[in-house]
N, C-alpha and C. Protein backbone atom coordinates (compact mmCIF):
# COMPACT_ATOMS: atom_id res chain seq x y z
N UNK A 1 0.86 -1.18 0.00
CA UNK A 1 0.00 0.00 0.00
C UNK A 1 0.90 1.24 0.00
N UNK A 2 0.53 2.19 -0.83
CA UNK A 2 1.33 3.42 -0.90
C UNK A 2 1.14 4.24 0.37
N UNK A 3 2.12 5.05 0.64
CA UNK A 3 2.07 5.93 1.81
C UNK A 3 0.88 6.88 1.73
N UNK A 4 0.55 7.31 0.51
CA UNK A 4 -0.57 8.24 0.34
C UNK A 4 -1.92 7.56 0.59
N UNK A 5 -2.02 6.28 0.24
CA UNK A 5 -3.26 5.55 0.56
C UNK A 5 -3.41 5.44 2.08
N UNK A 6 -2.32 5.16 2.75
CA UNK A 6 -2.35 5.09 4.21
C UNK A 6 -2.77 6.43 4.80
N UNK A 7 -2.22 7.51 4.26
CA UNK A 7 -2.58 8.85 4.74
C UNK A 7 -4.07 9.11 4.53
N UNK A 8 -4.57 8.82 3.34
CA UNK A 8 -5.99 9.06 3.05
C UNK A 8 -6.89 8.25 3.98
N UNK A 9 -6.57 6.98 4.17
CA UNK A 9 -7.39 6.14 5.04
C UNK A 9 -7.37 6.64 6.48
N UNK A 10 -6.22 7.02 6.95
CA UNK A 10 -6.12 7.52 8.33
C UNK A 10 -6.92 8.81 8.51
N UNK A 11 -6.82 9.69 7.54
CA UNK A 11 -7.55 10.95 7.63
C UNK A 11 -9.05 10.68 7.69
N UNK A 12 -9.53 9.84 6.80
CA UNK A 12 -10.97 9.55 6.76
C UNK A 12 -11.42 8.88 8.06
N UNK A 13 -10.66 7.91 8.52
CA UNK A 13 -11.05 7.20 9.74
C UNK A 13 -11.01 8.11 10.97
N UNK A 14 -10.05 9.02 11.01
CA UNK A 14 -9.98 9.95 12.14
C UNK A 14 -11.15 10.94 12.08
N UNK A 15 -11.48 11.40 10.88
CA UNK A 15 -12.63 12.28 10.72
C UNK A 15 -13.92 11.53 11.10
N UNK A 16 -13.96 10.25 10.79
CA UNK A 16 -15.14 9.45 11.13
C UNK A 16 -15.35 9.41 12.65
N UNK A 17 -14.27 9.39 13.41
CA UNK A 17 -14.39 9.41 14.86
C UNK A 17 -15.02 10.72 15.36
N UNK A 18 -14.80 11.78 14.59
CA UNK A 18 -15.30 13.10 14.99
C UNK A 18 -16.71 13.35 14.46
N UNK A 19 -16.93 13.03 13.18
CA UNK A 19 -18.21 13.41 12.54
C UNK A 19 -19.06 12.23 12.10
N UNK A 20 -18.58 11.01 12.37
CA UNK A 20 -19.36 9.83 12.03
C UNK A 20 -19.32 9.49 10.55
N UNK A 21 -20.36 8.82 10.06
CA UNK A 21 -20.40 8.35 8.68
C UNK A 21 -20.30 9.48 7.64
N UNK A 22 -20.58 10.69 8.04
CA UNK A 22 -20.46 11.83 7.13
C UNK A 22 -19.03 11.95 6.58
N UNK A 23 -18.06 11.46 7.33
CA UNK A 23 -16.67 11.51 6.87
C UNK A 23 -16.49 10.75 5.56
N UNK A 24 -17.11 9.60 5.44
CA UNK A 24 -17.01 8.81 4.22
C UNK A 24 -17.78 9.47 3.08
N UNK A 25 -18.93 10.04 3.38
CA UNK A 25 -19.71 10.73 2.35
C UNK A 25 -18.93 11.90 1.77
N UNK A 26 -18.31 12.67 2.64
CA UNK A 26 -17.53 13.82 2.19
C UNK A 26 -16.29 13.38 1.40
N UNK A 27 -15.65 12.31 1.83
CA UNK A 27 -14.50 11.79 1.10
C UNK A 27 -14.91 11.34 -0.31
N UNK A 28 -16.12 10.81 -0.42
CA UNK A 28 -16.63 10.38 -1.72
C UNK A 28 -16.85 11.52 -2.69
N UNK A 29 -16.91 12.74 -2.21
CA UNK A 29 -17.09 13.92 -3.06
C UNK A 29 -15.77 14.45 -3.62
N UNK A 30 -14.66 13.91 -3.14
CA UNK A 30 -13.35 14.41 -3.54
C UNK A 30 -12.98 13.87 -4.91
N UNK A 31 -12.71 14.78 -5.82
CA UNK A 31 -12.33 14.40 -7.18
C UNK A 31 -11.02 13.61 -7.14
N UNK A 32 -11.01 12.46 -7.81
CA UNK A 32 -9.82 11.64 -7.89
C UNK A 32 -9.69 10.60 -6.78
N UNK A 33 -10.69 10.52 -5.92
CA UNK A 33 -10.66 9.56 -4.82
C UNK A 33 -11.86 8.62 -4.94
N UNK A 34 -11.60 7.35 -5.03
CA UNK A 34 -12.66 6.34 -5.13
C UNK A 34 -12.79 5.67 -3.77
N UNK A 35 -13.99 5.63 -3.25
CA UNK A 35 -14.26 5.14 -1.90
C UNK A 35 -15.05 3.83 -1.96
N UNK A 36 -14.61 2.86 -1.18
CA UNK A 36 -15.40 1.65 -0.93
C UNK A 36 -15.66 1.62 0.57
N UNK A 37 -16.77 2.21 0.94
CA UNK A 37 -17.08 2.38 2.36
C UNK A 37 -17.26 1.05 3.08
N UNK A 38 -17.85 0.08 2.41
CA UNK A 38 -18.08 -1.22 3.05
C UNK A 38 -16.77 -1.88 3.46
N UNK A 39 -15.76 -1.73 2.63
CA UNK A 39 -14.45 -2.31 2.93
C UNK A 39 -13.55 -1.34 3.69
N UNK A 40 -13.95 -0.08 3.73
CA UNK A 40 -13.12 0.92 4.38
C UNK A 40 -11.86 1.20 3.59
N UNK A 41 -11.97 1.14 2.27
CA UNK A 41 -10.81 1.31 1.40
C UNK A 41 -10.96 2.50 0.49
N UNK A 42 -9.82 3.03 0.09
CA UNK A 42 -9.79 4.14 -0.86
C UNK A 42 -8.81 3.81 -1.98
N UNK A 43 -9.07 4.40 -3.14
CA UNK A 43 -8.18 4.27 -4.29
C UNK A 43 -8.04 5.65 -4.92
N UNK A 44 -6.90 5.87 -5.51
CA UNK A 44 -6.67 7.13 -6.20
C UNK A 44 -6.93 6.98 -7.69
N UNK A 45 -7.60 7.96 -8.25
CA UNK A 45 -7.83 8.01 -9.69
C UNK A 45 -7.17 9.24 -10.29
N UNK A 46 -6.33 9.88 -9.50
CA UNK A 46 -5.63 11.09 -9.90
C UNK A 46 -4.32 11.12 -9.12
N UNK A 47 -3.53 12.16 -9.29
CA UNK A 47 -2.26 12.28 -8.59
C UNK A 47 -2.50 12.29 -7.08
N UNK A 48 -1.83 11.38 -6.39
CA UNK A 48 -2.05 11.17 -4.97
C UNK A 48 -1.88 12.44 -4.14
N UNK A 49 -0.82 13.16 -4.41
CA UNK A 49 -0.51 14.39 -3.68
C UNK A 49 -1.68 15.36 -3.74
N UNK A 50 -2.19 15.57 -4.95
CA UNK A 50 -3.29 16.51 -5.17
C UNK A 50 -4.58 16.03 -4.51
N UNK A 51 -4.83 14.74 -4.54
CA UNK A 51 -6.04 14.18 -3.95
C UNK A 51 -6.03 14.37 -2.43
N UNK A 52 -4.88 14.17 -1.80
CA UNK A 52 -4.78 14.37 -0.35
C UNK A 52 -5.11 15.83 -0.01
N UNK A 53 -4.57 16.75 -0.79
CA UNK A 53 -4.87 18.18 -0.58
C UNK A 53 -6.38 18.43 -0.68
N UNK A 54 -7.00 17.87 -1.71
CA UNK A 54 -8.45 18.07 -1.90
C UNK A 54 -9.26 17.43 -0.78
N UNK A 55 -8.81 16.27 -0.29
CA UNK A 55 -9.51 15.60 0.80
C UNK A 55 -9.52 16.46 2.06
N UNK A 56 -8.38 16.97 2.43
CA UNK A 56 -8.30 17.82 3.63
C UNK A 56 -9.13 19.09 3.44
N UNK A 57 -9.07 19.67 2.25
CA UNK A 57 -9.84 20.89 1.98
C UNK A 57 -11.34 20.62 2.00
N UNK A 58 -11.75 19.42 1.61
CA UNK A 58 -13.17 19.06 1.67
C UNK A 58 -13.67 19.11 3.11
N UNK A 59 -12.90 18.54 4.01
CA UNK A 59 -13.28 18.58 5.42
C UNK A 59 -13.21 20.01 5.96
N UNK A 60 -12.22 20.76 5.53
CA UNK A 60 -12.07 22.14 6.00
C UNK A 60 -13.27 23.00 5.58
N UNK A 61 -13.78 22.77 4.36
CA UNK A 61 -14.94 23.53 3.89
C UNK A 61 -16.14 23.35 4.81
N UNK A 62 -16.30 22.15 5.32
CA UNK A 62 -17.45 21.87 6.18
C UNK A 62 -17.25 22.32 7.62
N UNK A 63 -16.06 22.05 8.17
CA UNK A 63 -15.88 22.21 9.60
C UNK A 63 -14.74 23.13 10.00
N UNK A 64 -14.15 23.80 9.03
CA UNK A 64 -13.13 24.80 9.33
C UNK A 64 -11.77 24.25 9.70
N UNK A 65 -11.01 25.13 10.29
CA UNK A 65 -9.61 24.86 10.62
C UNK A 65 -9.45 23.67 11.57
N UNK A 66 -10.41 23.43 12.41
CA UNK A 66 -10.32 22.30 13.35
C UNK A 66 -10.20 20.97 12.60
N UNK A 67 -10.88 20.86 11.47
CA UNK A 67 -10.80 19.63 10.67
C UNK A 67 -9.41 19.43 10.09
N UNK A 68 -8.78 20.52 9.71
CA UNK A 68 -7.41 20.42 9.19
C UNK A 68 -6.48 19.91 10.29
N UNK A 69 -6.66 20.42 11.48
CA UNK A 69 -5.83 19.97 12.60
C UNK A 69 -6.06 18.50 12.92
N UNK A 70 -7.29 18.04 12.81
CA UNK A 70 -7.59 16.61 13.01
C UNK A 70 -6.84 15.79 11.96
N UNK A 71 -6.84 16.25 10.72
CA UNK A 71 -6.14 15.56 9.64
C UNK A 71 -4.64 15.51 9.91
N UNK A 72 -4.07 16.64 10.27
CA UNK A 72 -2.64 16.70 10.57
C UNK A 72 -2.27 15.75 11.70
N UNK A 73 -3.06 15.77 12.75
CA UNK A 73 -2.79 14.93 13.90
C UNK A 73 -2.88 13.45 13.55
N UNK A 74 -3.80 13.10 12.66
CA UNK A 74 -4.00 11.70 12.29
C UNK A 74 -2.79 11.11 11.57
N UNK A 75 -2.03 11.96 10.88
CA UNK A 75 -0.93 11.45 10.06
C UNK A 75 0.44 11.99 10.46
N UNK A 76 0.53 12.64 11.59
CA UNK A 76 1.79 13.30 11.96
C UNK A 76 2.95 12.32 12.05
N UNK A 77 2.71 11.10 12.50
CA UNK A 77 3.80 10.13 12.57
C UNK A 77 4.27 9.68 11.18
N UNK A 78 3.38 9.69 10.22
CA UNK A 78 3.73 9.30 8.85
C UNK A 78 4.51 10.42 8.17
N UNK A 79 3.97 11.63 8.21
CA UNK A 79 4.62 12.74 7.50
C UNK A 79 5.95 13.11 8.12
N UNK A 80 6.15 12.82 9.39
CA UNK A 80 7.41 13.10 10.06
C UNK A 80 8.56 12.35 9.38
N UNK A 81 8.27 11.16 8.89
CA UNK A 81 9.30 10.33 8.27
C UNK A 81 9.41 10.49 6.77
N UNK A 82 8.53 11.27 6.17
CA UNK A 82 8.56 11.48 4.72
C UNK A 82 9.50 12.62 4.36
N UNK A 83 10.09 12.57 3.16
CA UNK A 83 10.84 13.74 2.69
C UNK A 83 9.89 14.94 2.60
N UNK A 84 10.35 16.11 3.04
CA UNK A 84 9.49 17.29 3.11
C UNK A 84 8.81 17.63 1.80
N UNK A 85 9.50 17.40 0.68
CA UNK A 85 8.93 17.75 -0.62
C UNK A 85 7.78 16.82 -1.02
N UNK A 86 7.64 15.69 -0.34
CA UNK A 86 6.55 14.75 -0.64
C UNK A 86 5.31 15.00 0.23
N UNK A 87 5.46 15.81 1.26
CA UNK A 87 4.35 16.06 2.18
C UNK A 87 3.47 17.17 1.61
N UNK A 88 2.17 16.90 1.42
CA UNK A 88 1.27 17.97 0.96
C UNK A 88 1.34 19.16 1.91
N UNK A 89 1.38 20.35 1.35
CA UNK A 89 1.54 21.58 2.13
C UNK A 89 0.49 21.71 3.22
N UNK A 90 -0.70 21.27 2.96
CA UNK A 90 -1.79 21.42 3.93
C UNK A 90 -1.56 20.57 5.18
N UNK A 91 -0.68 19.58 5.09
CA UNK A 91 -0.38 18.70 6.23
C UNK A 91 0.89 19.09 6.97
N UNK A 92 1.55 20.12 6.54
CA UNK A 92 2.80 20.55 7.19
C UNK A 92 2.50 21.39 8.40
């Protein structure tokens, strides 16, 4: 599994803890992200980096800056070990 798939899944699952099933519905609206809610899986249909940015922004549109912080917190251990140029700016 790619690091970006892990990031996307963690973000969605962490948002689900906060907002419930709406997290999956909102993730399904993100262009370039294919959701299988029953399996709890995601797939990219576009550039991974860009899709992660759009996913976080989707949550931010609904719930503001607090949602961005939830996303950052969910993946902080992953992005800490990634090269800085690979980390989406919204997660820095």
